[in-house]
Amino acid sequence: MTEQAQRPPERARRLPRAVRERQILDAAVEVFSRYGYHSASMDEISEVAGVSKPMIYTYLGSKEDLFTKCIRREATRLLEAIQGGVRPELAPDMQLWHGLRSFYKFVAEYRDSWTVLHRQALTVGGEFAAEITAMRTRAIELVAALVVSAGTRKGLGEQAEFSGEGMAAALVGAAESLADWWLDHSDVSDGVLASWLMNLIWLGFNDLVEGDVWKPAQ
């Protein structure tokens, strides 16, 4: 009997629970990204993961539970990627630029993850959309801290505190929209995308913390 014949099939191999859960989640993200929550089937996830449906239910629960766990894992990975890219020893604008590059690198490397987070979860709505809202809130807090830091360095901390959260929300929304556009224009590099957004947004931030604000004509 050959070595290949002696090797047990993939479904029969015993793996540590953490490894098996990661395997199932990876498969679920792929399937949810491709079909959406409602059209994705546990049969398909089972096939892609190479495990039985009962094992999926035992390890990660129902389809709803599985989708929630996918959202939470990918949201955590995304935020960790952004935070890992921010270099606190640099000026706030360079911290933000590096953070944006890390964000776009994540989107490029984990397209299925971004599709699940930005398209599928929001489309389904309900508690799934609430998970995305929580992720976005954490991202806004991270950007707002950079805006306040920039304003404080220039002696305009109060002005930056007043406008920082709103401006951060605008930047996060713009970054997400640009990432969605990028899925169909992947020839543009992450550095170029980050530079576009910095030129569009940060120049306005800089004027704001300098106290130079635009006002409508009387």
Protein backbone atom coordinates (compact mmCIF):
# COMPACT_ATOMS: atom_id res chain seq x y z
CA MET A 1 0.00 0.00 0.00
CA THR A 2 1.43 3.39 -0.97
CA GLU A 3 2.02 6.22 1.46
CA GLN A 4 -0.70 8.25 -0.27
CA ALA A 5 -3.20 5.41 0.16
CA GLN A 6 -2.30 5.05 3.84
CA ARG A 7 -2.83 8.77 4.54
CA PRO A 8 -6.33 9.42 5.93
CA PRO A 9 -8.62 11.72 3.93
CA GLU A 10 -8.72 15.39 4.85
CA ARG A 11 -12.06 15.13 6.65
CA ALA A 12 -10.76 12.31 8.84
CA ARG A 13 -7.59 14.00 10.05
CA ARG A 14 -7.61 15.09 13.67
CA LEU A 15 -6.48 18.68 14.09
CA PRO A 16 -6.37 20.95 17.15
CA ARG A 17 -9.68 22.74 17.67
CA ALA A 18 -8.16 26.18 17.06
CA VAL A 19 -6.74 25.05 13.73
CA ARG A 20 -10.03 23.48 12.69
CA GLU A 21 -11.99 26.60 13.65
CA ARG A 22 -9.63 28.78 11.64
CA GLN A 23 -10.05 26.42 8.69
CA ILE A 24 -13.84 26.67 8.92
CA LEU A 25 -13.81 30.46 9.29
CA ASP A 26 -11.49 30.83 6.29
CA ALA A 27 -13.88 28.73 4.21
CA ALA A 28 -16.92 30.62 5.50
CA VAL A 29 -15.43 34.02 4.62
CA GLU A 30 -14.72 32.76 1.09
CA VAL A 31 -18.25 31.42 0.63
CA PHE A 32 -20.04 34.38 2.25
CA SER A 33 -17.98 36.74 0.10
CA ARG A 34 -18.94 34.87 -3.06
CA TYR A 35 -22.65 34.31 -2.43
CA GLY A 36 -23.72 36.64 0.35
CA TYR A 37 -25.23 35.61 3.66
CA HIS A 38 -28.63 34.46 2.45
CA SER A 39 -27.45 32.49 -0.59
CA ALA A 40 -24.41 30.89 1.06
CA SER A 41 -25.06 27.33 2.19
CA MET A 42 -23.57 25.35 5.04
CA ASP A 43 -23.10 22.53 2.54
CA GLU A 44 -20.80 24.75 0.46
CA ILE A 45 -18.88 25.90 3.53
CA SER A 46 -18.52 22.29 4.62
CA GLU A 47 -17.16 21.34 1.21
CA VAL A 48 -14.68 24.21 1.03
CA ALA A 49 -13.49 23.64 4.61
CA GLY A 50 -13.21 19.89 4.13
CA VAL A 51 -15.20 19.12 7.28
CA SER A 52 -18.66 17.76 7.99
CA LYS A 53 -21.63 20.04 8.66
CA PRO A 54 -22.09 18.58 12.16
CA MET A 55 -18.52 19.62 12.96
CA ILE A 56 -19.26 23.18 11.87
CA TYR A 57 -22.34 23.31 14.11
CA THR A 58 -20.41 21.79 17.01
CA TYR A 59 -17.45 24.17 16.73
CA LEU A 60 -19.01 27.43 15.61
CA GLY A 61 -22.78 27.13 15.85
CA SER A 62 -25.49 28.02 13.36
CA LYS A 63 -25.09 29.86 10.08
CA GLU A 64 -25.97 33.10 11.86
CA ASP A 65 -23.38 32.43 14.56
CA LEU A 66 -20.80 31.57 11.92
CA PHE A 67 -21.41 34.78 9.97
CA THR A 68 -21.14 36.83 13.17
CA LYS A 69 -17.84 35.16 14.06
CA CYS A 70 -16.54 35.83 10.53
CA ILE A 71 -17.40 39.52 10.83
CA ARG A 72 -15.77 39.83 14.25
CA ARG A 73 -12.61 38.02 13.23
CA GLU A 74 -12.13 39.98 10.01
CA ALA A 75 -12.95 43.30 11.71
CA THR A 76 -10.36 42.56 14.40
CA ARG A 77 -7.76 41.61 11.80
CA LEU A 78 -8.45 44.79 9.85
CA LEU A 79 -8.13 47.08 12.86
CA GLU A 80 -4.98 45.30 14.01
CA ALA A 81 -3.48 45.78 10.55
CA ILE A 82 -4.24 49.51 10.63
CA GLN A 83 -2.96 49.99 14.18
CA GLY A 84 0.14 47.98 13.37
CA GLY A 85 0.89 50.31 10.47
CA VAL A 86 0.62 53.50 12.52
CA ARG A 87 4.10 54.50 13.71
CA PRO A 88 3.69 56.61 16.87
CA GLU A 89 7.18 58.12 16.65
CA LEU A 90 6.21 59.98 13.46
CA ALA A 91 4.21 63.17 12.96
CA PRO A 92 0.40 62.69 12.89
CA ASP A 93 0.14 63.09 9.11
CA MET A 94 2.74 60.36 8.51
CA GLN A 95 1.08 58.14 11.09
CA LEU A 96 -2.18 58.48 9.20
CA TRP A 97 -0.53 57.87 5.82
CA HIS A 98 1.07 54.66 7.07
CA GLY A 99 -2.24 53.62 8.62
CA LEU A 100 -4.05 54.18 5.33
CA ARG A 101 -1.43 52.18 3.45
CA SER A 102 -1.86 49.32 5.91
CA PHE A 103 -5.63 49.50 5.41
CA TYR A 104 -5.33 49.26 1.64
CA LYS A 105 -2.75 46.50 1.89
CA PHE A 106 -5.24 44.53 3.98
CA VAL A 107 -8.00 45.08 1.41
CA ALA A 108 -5.67 43.92 -1.37
CA GLU A 109 -4.53 40.81 0.50
CA TYR A 110 -7.90 39.89 1.98
CA ARG A 111 -10.43 40.87 -0.66
CA ASP A 112 -12.94 38.31 0.59
CA SER A 113 -12.69 39.75 4.11
CA TRP A 114 -13.34 43.27 2.90
CA THR A 115 -16.27 42.12 0.75
CA VAL A 116 -17.87 40.41 3.74
CA LEU A 117 -17.32 43.44 5.98
CA HIS A 118 -18.18 46.26 3.62
CA ARG A 119 -20.77 44.71 1.32
CA GLN A 120 -22.35 41.57 2.71
CA ALA A 121 -22.72 42.47 6.38
CA LEU A 122 -24.15 45.92 5.64
CA THR A 123 -26.57 44.47 3.08
CA VAL A 124 -27.96 41.96 5.57
CA GLY A 125 -28.32 44.65 8.22
CA GLY A 126 -29.51 44.05 11.76
CA GLU A 127 -26.96 42.85 14.29
CA PHE A 128 -24.47 42.19 11.50
CA ALA A 129 -24.50 45.84 10.47
CA ALA A 130 -24.16 46.76 14.15
CA GLU A 131 -20.88 44.83 14.25
CA ILE A 132 -19.60 46.91 11.33
CA THR A 133 -20.74 50.10 13.04
CA ALA A 134 -18.72 49.12 16.10
CA MET A 135 -15.65 48.49 13.93
CA ARG A 136 -16.10 51.85 12.19
CA THR A 137 -16.44 53.60 15.54
CA ARG A 138 -13.08 52.21 16.66
CA ALA A 139 -11.48 53.33 13.39
CA ILE A 140 -12.95 56.83 13.81
CA GLU A 141 -11.57 57.03 17.35
CA LEU A 142 -8.13 56.09 16.07
CA VAL A 143 -8.15 58.80 13.37
CA ALA A 144 -9.66 61.40 15.69
CA ALA A 145 -6.79 60.87 18.12
CA LEU A 146 -4.35 61.75 15.33
CA VAL A 147 -6.29 64.91 14.48
CA VAL A 148 -6.35 65.99 18.12
CA SER A 149 -2.65 65.22 18.42
CA ALA A 150 -1.89 67.42 15.42
CA GLY A 151 -3.99 70.26 16.81
CA THR A 152 -2.43 70.00 20.25
CA ARG A 153 1.09 70.23 18.78
CA LYS A 154 0.07 73.51 17.18
CA GLY A 155 -1.61 74.89 20.28
CA LEU A 156 -5.13 74.43 18.90
CA GLY A 157 -6.23 71.41 20.90
CA GLU A 158 -9.70 72.82 21.68
CA GLN A 159 -10.51 73.42 18.01
CA ALA A 160 -9.21 69.96 17.10
CA GLU A 161 -11.24 68.38 19.90
CA PHE A 162 -14.40 70.07 18.63
CA SER A 163 -14.05 68.98 15.02
CA GLY A 164 -11.80 65.93 15.26
CA GLU A 165 -14.43 63.19 15.54
CA GLY A 166 -16.56 64.56 12.70
CA MET A 167 -13.57 64.96 10.42
CA ALA A 168 -12.36 61.48 11.32
CA ALA A 169 -15.78 60.05 10.42
CA ALA A 170 -15.54 61.78 7.03
CA LEU A 171 -12.07 60.34 6.42
CA VAL A 172 -13.08 56.80 7.38
CA GLY A 173 -16.08 56.98 5.06
CA ALA A 174 -13.90 58.27 2.21
CA ALA A 175 -11.30 55.55 2.84
CA GLU A 176 -13.98 52.85 2.69
CA SER A 177 -15.49 54.21 -0.51
CA LEU A 178 -12.09 54.43 -2.15
CA ALA A 179 -11.33 50.83 -1.10
CA ASP A 180 -14.60 49.71 -2.70
CA TRP A 181 -13.65 51.52 -5.92
CA TRP A 182 -10.20 49.97 -5.76
CA LEU A 183 -11.60 46.44 -5.97
CA ASP A 184 -12.26 47.15 -9.65
CA HIS A 185 -9.07 49.22 -10.21
CA SER A 186 -6.38 47.10 -8.58
CA ASP A 187 -3.66 48.48 -10.85
CA VAL A 188 -3.38 51.50 -8.50
CA SER A 189 -0.90 50.91 -5.66
CA ASP A 190 -1.79 51.20 -1.97
CA GLY A 191 0.71 54.05 -1.62
CA VAL A 192 -0.96 56.04 -4.39
CA LEU A 193 -4.40 55.49 -2.85
CA ALA A 194 -3.16 56.66 0.54
CA SER A 195 -1.56 59.74 -1.05
CA TRP A 196 -4.77 60.60 -2.91
CA LEU A 197 -6.72 60.50 0.30
CA MET A 198 -4.12 62.48 2.22
CA ASN A 199 -4.20 65.20 -0.43
CA LEU A 200 -7.99 65.24 -0.39
CA ILE A 201 -8.48 65.13 3.37
CA TRP A 202 -5.37 65.95 5.35
CA LEU A 203 -4.73 69.30 3.71
CA GLY A 204 -8.14 70.32 5.02
CA PHE A 205 -7.32 68.90 8.45
CA ASN A 206 -4.09 70.85 8.48
CA ASP A 207 -5.83 74.12 7.66
CA LEU A 208 -8.39 73.39 10.34
CA VAL A 209 -5.88 72.84 13.12
CA GLU A 210 -4.01 75.96 11.93
CA GLY A 211 -7.21 77.92 12.47
CA ASP A 212 -7.59 78.69 8.73
CA VAL A 213 -11.19 77.68 8.03
CA TRP A 214 -13.37 78.24 4.97
CA LYS A 215 -16.63 80.13 5.45
CA PRO A 216 -19.46 80.73 2.99
CA ALA A 217 -19.62 84.18 1.42
CA GLN A 218 -22.17 86.56 2.87
